[in-house]
Amino acid sequence: MTTTDLAPWPQLTGSEPWGATDADPEDWTGTPKQRLNGKLACLAECPDSTRAQCLAWALDHPSRAGSAIWAGTTLSDRRLRAERARRRAAASGAERSTV
């Protein structure tokens, strides 16, 4: 994959919960218990299109996304999704080579 294949920075709407004036940055980057607040806020309040873009960016840029909440996902959630995608791609490639 080249860098041109990677997801771009999400187009934000301004209504994301982390941008609210009363938002606590620790809800996205703090302890696991604090990040649960950010995860729930994101899942409840972020527009679906924004969440999809944020997830794509976080999956394509794992070192930059770090352990922060992105698209309502934790680092563990994203690692699991990436592993499943790799397995599906490997299985798909194996199926094509036997046809």
PDB file of N, CA and C in Angstrom:
ATOM      1  N   MET A   1       0.851  -1.174   0.000  1.00  0.00           N
ATOM      2  CA  MET A   1       0.000   0.000   0.000  1.00  0.00           C
ATOM      3  C   MET A   1       0.894   1.233   0.000  1.00  0.00           C
ATOM      4  N   THR A   2       0.585   2.166  -0.869  1.00  0.00           N
ATOM      5  CA  THR A   2       1.341   3.415  -0.899  1.00  0.00           C
ATOM      6  C   THR A   2       0.631   4.452  -0.048  1.00  0.00           C
ATOM      7  N   THR A   3       1.326   5.534   0.237  1.00  0.00           N
ATOM      8  CA  THR A   3       0.706   6.570   1.071  1.00  0.00           C
ATOM      9  C   THR A   3      -0.507   7.187   0.396  1.00  0.00           C
ATOM     10  N   THR A   4      -0.584   7.135  -0.921  1.00  0.00           N
ATOM     11  CA  THR A   4      -1.756   7.685  -1.599  1.00  0.00           C
ATOM     12  C   THR A   4      -2.979   6.801  -1.403  1.00  0.00           C
ATOM     13  N   ASP A   5      -2.780   5.560  -0.964  1.00  0.00           N
ATOM     14  CA  ASP A   5      -3.892   4.652  -0.709  1.00  0.00           C
ATOM     15  C   ASP A   5      -4.454   4.804   0.701  1.00  0.00           C
ATOM     16  N   LEU A   6      -3.780   5.564   1.532  1.00  0.00           N
ATOM     17  CA  LEU A   6      -4.200   5.700   2.919  1.00  0.00           C
ATOM     18  C   LEU A   6      -5.347   6.703   3.055  1.00  0.00           C
ATOM     19  N   ALA A   7      -6.175   6.470   4.045  1.00  0.00           N
ATOM     20  CA  ALA A   7      -7.312   7.362   4.293  1.00  0.00           C
ATOM     21  C   ALA A   7      -6.816   8.753   4.677  1.00  0.00           C
ATOM     22  N   PRO A   8      -7.449   9.788   4.119  1.00  0.00           N
ATOM     23  CA  PRO A   8      -7.076  11.159   4.495  1.00  0.00           C
ATOM     24  C   PRO A   8      -7.660  11.522   5.856  1.00  0.00           C
ATOM     25  N   TRP A   9      -7.194  12.633   6.383  1.00  0.00           N
ATOM     26  CA  TRP A   9      -7.739  13.155   7.637  1.00  0.00           C
ATOM     27  C   TRP A   9      -9.247  13.324   7.469  1.00  0.00           C
ATOM     28  N   PRO A  10     -10.049  12.930   8.455  1.00  0.00           N
ATOM     29  CA  PRO A  10     -11.501  13.021   8.332  1.00  0.00           C
ATOM     30  C   PRO A  10     -12.000  14.454   8.114  1.00  0.00           C
ATOM     31  N   GLN A  11     -13.071  14.564   7.349  1.00  0.00           N
ATOM     32  CA  GLN A  11     -13.730  15.857   7.190  1.00  0.00           C
ATOM     33  C   GLN A  11     -14.688  16.007   8.363  1.00  0.00           C
ATOM     34  N   LEU A  12     -14.370  16.925   9.231  1.00  0.00           N
ATOM     35  CA  LEU A  12     -15.150  17.092  10.453  1.00  0.00           C
ATOM     36  C   LEU A  12     -16.305  18.068  10.241  1.00  0.00           C
ATOM     37  N   THR A  13     -17.364  17.876  11.002  1.00  0.00           N
ATOM     38  CA  THR A  13     -18.568  18.702  10.857  1.00  0.00           C
ATOM     39  C   THR A  13     -18.637  19.821  11.881  1.00  0.00           C
ATOM     40  N   GLY A  14     -17.868  19.693  12.966  1.00  0.00           N
ATOM     41  CA  GLY A  14     -17.949  20.659  14.053  1.00  0.00           C
ATOM     42  C   GLY A  14     -18.909  20.225  15.139  1.00  0.00           C
ATOM     43  N   SER A  15     -19.634  19.130  14.900  1.00  0.00           N
ATOM     44  CA  SER A  15     -20.581  18.654  15.911  1.00  0.00           C
ATOM     45  C   SER A  15     -20.045  17.445  16.678  1.00  0.00           C
ATOM     46  N   GLU A  16     -18.792  17.108  16.464  1.00  0.00           N
ATOM     47  CA  GLU A  16     -18.206  15.964  17.149  1.00  0.00           C
ATOM     48  C   GLU A  16     -18.102  16.259  18.649  1.00  0.00           C
ATOM     49  N   PRO A  17     -18.386  15.264  19.495  1.00  0.00           N
ATOM     50  CA  PRO A  17     -18.418  15.525  20.942  1.00  0.00           C
ATOM     51  C   PRO A  17     -17.077  15.957  21.526  1.00  0.00           C
ATOM     52  N   TRP A  18     -15.963  15.535  20.966  1.00  0.00           N
ATOM     53  CA  TRP A  18     -14.666  15.935  21.520  1.00  0.00           C
ATOM     54  C   TRP A  18     -14.406  17.424  21.339  1.00  0.00           C
ATOM     55  N   GLY A  19     -15.125  18.074  20.431  1.00  0.00           N
ATOM     56  CA  GLY A  19     -14.941  19.500  20.195  1.00  0.00           C
ATOM     57  C   GLY A  19     -15.852  20.393  21.012  1.00  0.00           C
ATOM     58  N   ALA A  20     -16.728  19.786  21.805  1.00  0.00           N
ATOM     59  CA  ALA A  20     -17.653  20.583  22.617  1.00  0.00           C
ATOM     60  C   ALA A  20     -16.880  21.379  23.664  1.00  0.00           C
ATOM     61  N   THR A  21     -17.393  22.538  24.014  1.00  0.00           N
ATOM     62  CA  THR A  21     -16.691  23.401  24.967  1.00  0.00           C
ATOM     63  C   THR A  21     -16.522  22.751  26.331  1.00  0.00           C
ATOM     64  N   ASP A  22     -17.424  21.860  26.699  1.00  0.00           N
ATOM     65  CA  ASP A  22     -17.315  21.194  28.003  1.00  0.00           C
ATOM     66  C   ASP A  22     -16.677  19.812  27.901  1.00  0.00           C
ATOM     67  N   ALA A  23     -16.127  19.471  26.746  1.00  0.00           N
ATOM     68  CA  ALA A  23     -15.512  18.157  26.553  1.00  0.00           C
ATOM     69  C   ALA A  23     -14.228  18.033  27.370  1.00  0.00           C
ATOM     70  N   ASP A  24     -14.025  16.875  27.938  1.00  0.00           N
ATOM     71  CA  ASP A  24     -12.818  16.590  28.704  1.00  0.00           C
ATOM     72  C   ASP A  24     -11.858  15.808  27.806  1.00  0.00           C
ATOM     73  N   PRO A  25     -10.695  16.351  27.478  1.00  0.00           N
ATOM     74  CA  PRO A  25      -9.750  15.636  26.604  1.00  0.00           C
ATOM     75  C   PRO A  25      -9.400  14.241  27.113  1.00  0.00           C
ATOM     76  N   GLU A  26      -9.471  14.056  28.425  1.00  0.00           N
ATOM     77  CA  GLU A  26      -9.166  12.734  28.989  1.00  0.00           C
ATOM     78  C   GLU A  26     -10.163  11.675  28.539  1.00  0.00           C
ATOM     79  N   ASP A  27     -11.350  12.091  28.093  1.00  0.00           N
ATOM     80  CA  ASP A  27     -12.343  11.132  27.600  1.00  0.00           C
ATOM     81  C   ASP A  27     -11.881  10.442  26.322  1.00  0.00           C
ATOM     82  N   TRP A  28     -10.910  11.009  25.656  1.00  0.00           N
ATOM     83  CA  TRP A  28     -10.410  10.409  24.418  1.00  0.00           C
ATOM     84  C   TRP A  28      -8.999   9.867  24.560  1.00  0.00           C
ATOM     85  N   THR A  29      -8.274  10.323  25.566  1.00  0.00           N
ATOM     86  CA  THR A  29      -6.872   9.930  25.675  1.00  0.00           C
ATOM     87  C   THR A  29      -6.459   9.481  27.069  1.00  0.00           C
ATOM     88  N   GLY A  30      -7.351   9.506  28.024  1.00  0.00           N
ATOM     89  CA  GLY A  30      -6.996   9.206  29.414  1.00  0.00           C
ATOM     90  C   GLY A  30      -6.941   7.719  29.711  1.00  0.00           C
ATOM     91  N   THR A  31      -7.290   7.389  30.929  1.00  0.00           N
ATOM     92  CA  THR A  31      -7.286   5.994  31.366  1.00  0.00           C
ATOM     93  C   THR A  31      -8.373   5.220  30.613  1.00  0.00           C
ATOM     94  N   PRO A  32      -8.290   3.902  30.606  1.00  0.00           N
ATOM     95  CA  PRO A  32      -9.349   3.130  29.940  1.00  0.00           C
ATOM     96  C   PRO A  32     -10.751   3.490  30.441  1.00  0.00           C
ATOM     97  N   LYS A  33     -10.889   3.718  31.745  1.00  0.00           N
ATOM     98  CA  LYS A  33     -12.210   4.092  32.283  1.00  0.00           C
ATOM     99  C   LYS A  33     -12.648   5.452  31.732  1.00  0.00           C
ATOM    100  N   GLN A  34     -11.724   6.405  31.648  1.00  0.00           N
ATOM    101  CA  GLN A  34     -12.063   7.718  31.096  1.00  0.00           C
ATOM    102  C   GLN A  34     -12.397   7.609  29.608  1.00  0.00           C
ATOM    103  N   ARG A  35     -11.648   6.793  28.883  1.00  0.00           N
ATOM    104  CA  ARG A  35     -11.891   6.662  27.443  1.00  0.00           C
ATOM    105  C   ARG A  35     -13.249   6.040  27.143  1.00  0.00           C
ATOM    106  N   LEU A  36     -13.798   5.290  28.079  1.00  0.00           N
ATOM    107  CA  LEU A  36     -15.137   4.740  27.874  1.00  0.00           C
ATOM    108  C   LEU A  36     -16.142   5.866  27.669  1.00  0.00           C
ATOM    109  N   ASN A  37     -15.985   6.970  28.393  1.00  0.00           N
ATOM    110  CA  ASN A  37     -16.872   8.128  28.207  1.00  0.00           C
ATOM    111  C   ASN A  37     -16.777   8.649  26.775  1.00  0.00           C
ATOM    112  N   GLY A  38     -15.564   8.768  26.257  1.00  0.00           N
ATOM    113  CA  GLY A  38     -15.372   9.238  24.893  1.00  0.00           C
ATOM    114  C   GLY A  38     -15.944   8.282  23.871  1.00  0.00           C
ATOM    115  N   LYS A  39     -15.741   7.004  24.108  1.00  0.00           N
ATOM    116  CA  LYS A  39     -16.269   5.986  23.193  1.00  0.00           C
ATOM    117  C   LYS A  39     -17.792   6.084  23.119  1.00  0.00           C
ATOM    118  N   LEU A  40     -18.427   6.147  24.277  1.00  0.00           N
ATOM    119  CA  LEU A  40     -19.891   6.216  24.299  1.00  0.00           C
ATOM    120  C   LEU A  40     -20.404   7.512  23.685  1.00  0.00           C
ATOM    121  N   ALA A  41     -19.721   8.624  23.966  1.00  0.00           N
ATOM    122  CA  ALA A  41     -20.131   9.909  23.388  1.00  0.00           C
ATOM    123  C   ALA A  41     -20.016   9.867  21.871  1.00  0.00           C
ATOM    124  N   CYS A  42     -18.932   9.310  21.390  1.00  0.00           N
ATOM    125  CA  CYS A  42     -18.739   9.226  19.947  1.00  0.00           C
ATOM    126  C   CYS A  42     -19.821   8.373  19.294  1.00  0.00           C
ATOM    127  N   LEU A  43     -20.080   7.215  19.865  1.00  0.00           N
ATOM    128  CA  LEU A  43     -21.085   6.326  19.287  1.00  0.00           C
ATOM    129  C   LEU A  43     -22.478   6.945  19.308  1.00  0.00           C
ATOM    130  N   ALA A  44     -22.755   7.765  20.321  1.00  0.00           N
ATOM    131  CA  ALA A  44     -24.078   8.375  20.443  1.00  0.00           C
ATOM    132  C   ALA A  44     -24.221   9.656  19.624  1.00  0.00           C
ATOM    133  N   GLU A  45     -23.118  10.416  19.461  1.00  0.00           N
ATOM    134  CA  GLU A  45     -23.250  11.763  18.927  1.00  0.00           C
ATOM    135  C   GLU A  45     -22.563  12.036  17.595  1.00  0.00           C
ATOM    136  N   CYS A  46     -21.546  11.300  17.247  1.00  0.00           N
ATOM    137  CA  CYS A  46     -20.837  11.587  15.990  1.00  0.00           C
ATOM    138  C   CYS A  46     -21.672  11.152  14.795  1.00  0.00           C
ATOM    139  N   PRO A  47     -21.703  11.957  13.759  1.00  0.00           N
ATOM    140  CA  PRO A  47     -22.402  11.550  12.534  1.00  0.00           C
ATOM    141  C   PRO A  47     -21.763  10.285  11.964  1.00  0.00           C
ATOM    142  N   ASP A  48     -22.582   9.405  11.398  1.00  0.00           N
ATOM    143  CA  ASP A  48     -22.071   8.149  10.842  1.00  0.00           C
ATOM    144  C   ASP A  48     -20.958   8.369   9.824  1.00  0.00           C
ATOM    145  N   SER A  49     -21.136   9.366   8.965  1.00  0.00           N
ATOM    146  CA  SER A  49     -20.130   9.606   7.925  1.00  0.00           C
ATOM    147  C   SER A  49     -18.798  10.030   8.541  1.00  0.00           C
ATOM    148  N   THR A  50     -18.852  10.822   9.588  1.00  0.00           N
ATOM    149  CA  THR A  50     -17.627  11.246  10.267  1.00  0.00           C
ATOM    150  C   THR A  50     -16.979  10.061  10.960  1.00  0.00           C
ATOM    151  N   ARG A  51     -17.788   9.229  11.617  1.00  0.00           N
ATOM    152  CA  ARG A  51     -17.250   8.055  12.296  1.00  0.00           C
ATOM    153  C   ARG A  51     -16.561   7.126  11.299  1.00  0.00           C
ATOM    154  N   ALA A  52     -17.162   6.944  10.135  1.00  0.00           N
ATOM    155  CA  ALA A  52     -16.560   6.072   9.118  1.00  0.00           C
ATOM    156  C   ALA A  52     -15.209   6.620   8.660  1.00  0.00           C
ATOM    157  N   GLN A  53     -15.136   7.930   8.447  1.00  0.00           N
ATOM    158  CA  GLN A  53     -13.870   8.542   8.033  1.00  0.00           C
ATOM    159  C   GLN A  53     -12.826   8.459   9.134  1.00  0.00           C
ATOM    160  N   CYS A  54     -13.240   8.688  10.370  1.00  0.00           N
ATOM    161  CA  CYS A  54     -12.307   8.614  11.501  1.00  0.00           C
ATOM    162  C   CYS A  54     -11.767   7.195  11.669  1.00  0.00           C
ATOM    163  N   LEU A  55     -12.646   6.205  11.523  1.00  0.00           N
ATOM    164  CA  LEU A  55     -12.200   4.829  11.655  1.00  0.00           C
ATOM    165  C   LEU A  55     -11.214   4.472  10.551  1.00  0.00           C
ATOM    166  N   ALA A  56     -11.521   4.869   9.325  1.00  0.00           N
ATOM    167  CA  ALA A  56     -10.606   4.589   8.212  1.00  0.00           C
ATOM    168  C   ALA A  56      -9.245   5.228   8.467  1.00  0.00           C
ATOM    169  N   TRP A  57      -9.255   6.475   8.936  1.00  0.00           N
ATOM    170  CA  TRP A  57      -7.988   7.157   9.206  1.00  0.00           C
ATOM    171  C   TRP A  57      -7.214   6.434  10.308  1.00  0.00           C
ATOM    172  N   ALA A  58      -7.905   6.092  11.407  1.00  0.00           N
ATOM    173  CA  ALA A  58      -7.234   5.439  12.533  1.00  0.00           C
ATOM    174  C   ALA A  58      -6.672   4.073  12.144  1.00  0.00           C
ATOM    175  N   LEU A  59      -7.388   3.336  11.309  1.00  0.00           N
ATOM    176  CA  LEU A  59      -6.893   2.029  10.868  1.00  0.00           C
ATOM    177  C   LEU A  59      -5.688   2.178   9.947  1.00  0.00           C
ATOM    178  N   ASP A  60      -5.693   3.205   9.117  1.00  0.00           N
ATOM    179  CA  ASP A  60      -4.575   3.419   8.179  1.00  0.00           C
ATOM    180  C   ASP A  60      -3.372   4.108   8.821  1.00  0.00           C
ATOM    181  N   HIS A  61      -3.569   4.746   9.965  1.00  0.00           N
ATOM    182  CA  HIS A  61      -2.500   5.490  10.640  1.00  0.00           C
ATOM    183  C   HIS A  61      -2.422   5.075  12.115  1.00  0.00           C
ATOM    184  N   PRO A  62      -2.182   3.796  12.393  1.00  0.00           N
ATOM    185  CA  PRO A  62      -2.245   3.328  13.780  1.00  0.00           C
ATOM    186  C   PRO A  62      -1.250   3.997  14.715  1.00  0.00           C
ATOM    187  N   SER A  63      -0.074   4.313  14.232  1.00  0.00           N
ATOM    188  CA  SER A  63       0.895   4.931  15.143  1.00  0.00           C
ATOM    189  C   SER A  63       0.488   6.359  15.503  1.00  0.00           C
ATOM    190  N   ARG A  64      -0.165   7.049  14.587  1.00  0.00           N
ATOM    191  CA  ARG A  64      -0.621   8.409  14.877  1.00  0.00           C
ATOM    192  C   ARG A  64      -1.904   8.398  15.704  1.00  0.00           C
ATOM    193  N   ALA A  65      -2.764   7.409  15.487  1.00  0.00           N
ATOM    194  CA  ALA A  65      -4.011   7.309  16.250  1.00  0.00           C
ATOM    195  C   ALA A  65      -3.725   6.888  17.689  1.00  0.00           C
ATOM    196  N   GLY A  66      -2.687   6.100  17.874  1.00  0.00           N
ATOM    197  CA  GLY A  66      -2.287   5.681  19.211  1.00  0.00           C
ATOM    198  C   GLY A  66      -3.401   4.985  19.972  1.00  0.00           C
ATOM    199  N   SER A  67      -3.454   5.238  21.258  1.00  0.00           N
ATOM    200  CA  SER A  67      -4.450   4.581  22.099  1.00  0.00           C
ATOM    201  C   SER A  67      -5.700   5.437  22.301  1.00  0.00           C
ATOM    202  N   ALA A  68      -5.778   6.563  21.616  1.00  0.00           N
ATOM    203  CA  ALA A  68      -6.938   7.441  21.750  1.00  0.00           C
ATOM    204  C   ALA A  68      -8.184   6.802  21.130  1.00  0.00           C
ATOM    205  N   ILE A  69      -9.322   7.303  21.525  1.00  0.00           N
ATOM    206  CA  ILE A  69     -10.593   6.864  20.946  1.00  0.00           C
ATOM    207  C   ILE A  69     -10.740   7.508  19.574  1.00  0.00           C
ATOM    208  N   TRP A  70     -10.999   6.681  18.585  1.00  0.00           N
ATOM    209  CA  TRP A  70     -11.267   7.133  17.217  1.00  0.00           C
ATOM    210  C   TRP A  70     -12.504   6.391  16.743  1.00  0.00           C
ATOM    211  N   ALA A  71     -13.508   7.117  16.310  1.00  0.00           N
ATOM    212  CA  ALA A  71     -14.739   6.523  15.773  1.00  0.00           C
ATOM    213  C   ALA A  71     -15.402   5.589  16.781  1.00  0.00           C
ATOM    214  N   GLY A  72     -15.257   5.900  18.045  1.00  0.00           N
ATOM    215  CA  GLY A  72     -15.858   5.055  19.064  1.00  0.00           C
ATOM    216  C   GLY A  72     -15.132   3.741  19.265  1.00  0.00           C
ATOM    217  N   THR A  73     -13.884   3.655  18.798  1.00  0.00           N
ATOM    218  CA  THR A  73     -13.108   2.421  18.948  1.00  0.00           C
ATOM    219  C   THR A  73     -11.870   2.667  19.796  1.00  0.00           C
ATOM    220  N   THR A  74     -11.484   1.643  20.510  1.00  0.00           N
ATOM    221  CA  THR A  74     -10.238   1.668  21.277  1.00  0.00           C
ATOM    222  C   THR A  74      -9.130   1.103  20.398  1.00  0.00           C
ATOM    223  N   LEU A  75      -7.915   1.217  20.854  1.00  0.00           N
ATOM    224  CA  LEU A  75      -6.790   0.616  20.146  1.00  0.00           C
ATOM    225  C   LEU A  75      -7.003  -0.883  19.985  1.00  0.00           C
ATOM    226  N   SER A  76      -7.482  -1.545  21.017  1.00  0.00           N
ATOM    227  CA  SER A  76      -7.749  -2.988  20.933  1.00  0.00           C
ATOM    228  C   SER A  76      -8.813  -3.297  19.884  1.00  0.00           C
ATOM    229  N   ASP A  77      -9.870  -2.484  19.845  1.00  0.00           N
ATOM    230  CA  ASP A  77     -10.920  -2.673  18.830  1.00  0.00           C
ATOM    231  C   ASP A  77     -10.329  -2.575  17.434  1.00  0.00           C
ATOM    232  N   ARG A  78      -9.482  -1.559  17.230  1.00  0.00           N
ATOM    233  CA  ARG A  78      -8.910  -1.346  15.893  1.00  0.00           C
ATOM    234  C   ARG A  78      -7.937  -2.450  15.509  1.00  0.00           C
ATOM    235  N   ARG A  79      -7.163  -2.922  16.466  1.00  0.00           N
ATOM    236  CA  ARG A  79      -6.249  -4.032  16.173  1.00  0.00           C
ATOM    237  C   ARG A  79      -7.034  -5.274  15.768  1.00  0.00           C
ATOM    238  N   LEU A  80      -8.122  -5.548  16.453  1.00  0.00           N
ATOM    239  CA  LEU A  80      -8.958  -6.695  16.120  1.00  0.00           C
ATOM    240  C   LEU A  80      -9.554  -6.544  14.722  1.00  0.00           C
ATOM    241  N   ARG A  81     -10.044  -5.353  14.397  1.00  0.00           N
ATOM    242  CA  ARG A  81     -10.601  -5.106  13.053  1.00  0.00           C
ATOM    243  C   ARG A  81      -9.541  -5.282  11.974  1.00  0.00           C
ATOM    244  N   ALA A  82      -8.353  -4.768  12.224  1.00  0.00           N
ATOM    245  CA  ALA A  82      -7.275  -4.882  11.245  1.00  0.00           C
ATOM    246  C   ALA A  82      -6.882  -6.347  11.033  1.00  0.00           C
ATOM    247  N   GLU A  83      -6.815  -7.098  12.109  1.00  0.00           N
ATOM    248  CA  GLU A  83      -6.472  -8.524  12.003  1.00  0.00           C
ATOM    249  C   GLU A  83      -7.541  -9.282  11.226  1.00  0.00           C
ATOM    250  N   ARG A  84      -8.801  -8.992  11.495  1.00  0.00           N
ATOM    251  CA  ARG A  84      -9.893  -9.646  10.746  1.00  0.00           C
ATOM    252  C   ARG A  84      -9.819  -9.297   9.261  1.00  0.00           C
ATOM    253  N   ALA A  85      -9.517  -8.046   8.961  1.00  0.00           N
ATOM    254  CA  ALA A  85      -9.400  -7.634   7.558  1.00  0.00           C
ATOM    255  C   ALA A  85      -8.245  -8.359   6.883  1.00  0.00           C
ATOM    256  N   ARG A  86      -7.115  -8.501   7.579  1.00  0.00           N
ATOM    257  CA  ARG A  86      -5.981  -9.238   7.011  1.00  0.00           C
ATOM    258  C   ARG A  86      -6.348 -10.689   6.745  1.00  0.00           C
ATOM    259  N   ARG A  87      -7.063 -11.312   7.677  1.00  0.00           N
ATOM    260  CA  ARG A  87      -7.478 -12.709   7.497  1.00  0.00           C
ATOM    261  C   ARG A  87      -8.429 -12.862   6.317  1.00  0.00           C
ATOM    262  N   ARG A  88      -9.387 -11.926   6.207  1.00  0.00           N
ATOM    263  CA  ARG A  88     -10.325 -11.979   5.072  1.00  0.00           C
ATOM    264  C   ARG A  88      -9.577 -11.819   3.759  1.00  0.00           C
ATOM    265  N   ALA A  89      -8.622 -10.894   3.717  1.00  0.00           N
ATOM    266  CA  ALA A  89      -7.850 -10.667   2.494  1.00  0.00           C
ATOM    267  C   ALA A  89      -7.024 -11.906   2.148  1.00  0.00           C
ATOM    268  N   ALA A  90      -6.431 -12.531   3.149  1.00  0.00           N
ATOM    269  CA  ALA A  90      -5.637 -13.732   2.906  1.00  0.00           C
ATOM    270  C   ALA A  90      -6.532 -14.865   2.412  1.00  0.00           C
ATOM    271  N   ALA A  91      -7.703 -15.020   3.004  1.00  0.00           N
ATOM    272  CA  ALA A  91      -8.625 -16.075   2.588  1.00  0.00           C
ATOM    273  C   ALA A  91      -9.125 -15.796   1.180  1.00  0.00           C
ATOM    274  N   SER A  92      -9.399 -14.550   0.878  1.00  0.00           N
ATOM    275  CA  SER A  92      -9.867 -14.188  -0.457  1.00  0.00           C
ATOM    276  C   SER A  92      -8.799 -14.464  -1.501  1.00  0.00           C
ATOM    277  N   GLY A  93      -7.553 -14.151  -1.177  1.00  0.00           N
ATOM    278  CA  GLY A  93      -6.451 -14.430  -2.096  1.00  0.00           C
ATOM    279  C   GLY A  93      -6.256 -15.915  -2.306  1.00  0.00           C
ATOM    280  N   ALA A  94      -6.428 -16.710  -1.259  1.00  0.00           N
ATOM    281  CA  ALA A  94      -6.297 -18.156  -1.366  1.00  0.00           C
ATOM    282  C   ALA A  94      -7.412 -18.735  -2.229  1.00  0.00           C
ATOM    283  N   GLU A  95      -8.619 -18.190  -2.095  1.00  0.00           N
ATOM    284  CA  GLU A  95      -9.743 -18.664  -2.905  1.00  0.00           C
ATOM    285  C   GLU A  95      -9.511 -18.369  -4.380  1.00  0.00           C
ATOM    286  N   ARG A  96      -9.005 -17.169  -4.685  1.00  0.00           N
ATOM    287  CA  ARG A  96      -8.762 -16.806  -6.078  1.00  0.00           C
ATOM    288  C   ARG A  96      -7.687 -17.678  -6.709  1.00  0.00           C
ATOM    289  N   SER A  97      -6.695 -18.082  -5.933  1.00  0.00           N
ATOM    290  CA  SER A  97      -5.604 -18.870  -6.505  1.00  0.00           C
ATOM    291  C   SER A  97      -6.018 -20.309  -6.765  1.00  0.00           C
ATOM    292  N   THR A  98      -7.120 -20.773  -6.141  1.00  0.00           N
ATOM    293  CA  THR A  98      -7.570 -22.140  -6.385  1.00  0.00           C
ATOM    294  C   THR A  98      -8.619 -22.217  -7.472  1.00  0.00           C
ATOM    295  N   VAL A  99      -9.098 -21.095  -7.945  1.00  0.00           N
ATOM    296  CA  VAL A  99     -10.153 -21.081  -8.971  1.00  0.00           C
ATOM    297  C   VAL A  99      -9.554 -21.205 -10.341  1.00  0.00           C
TER     298      VAL A  99
END
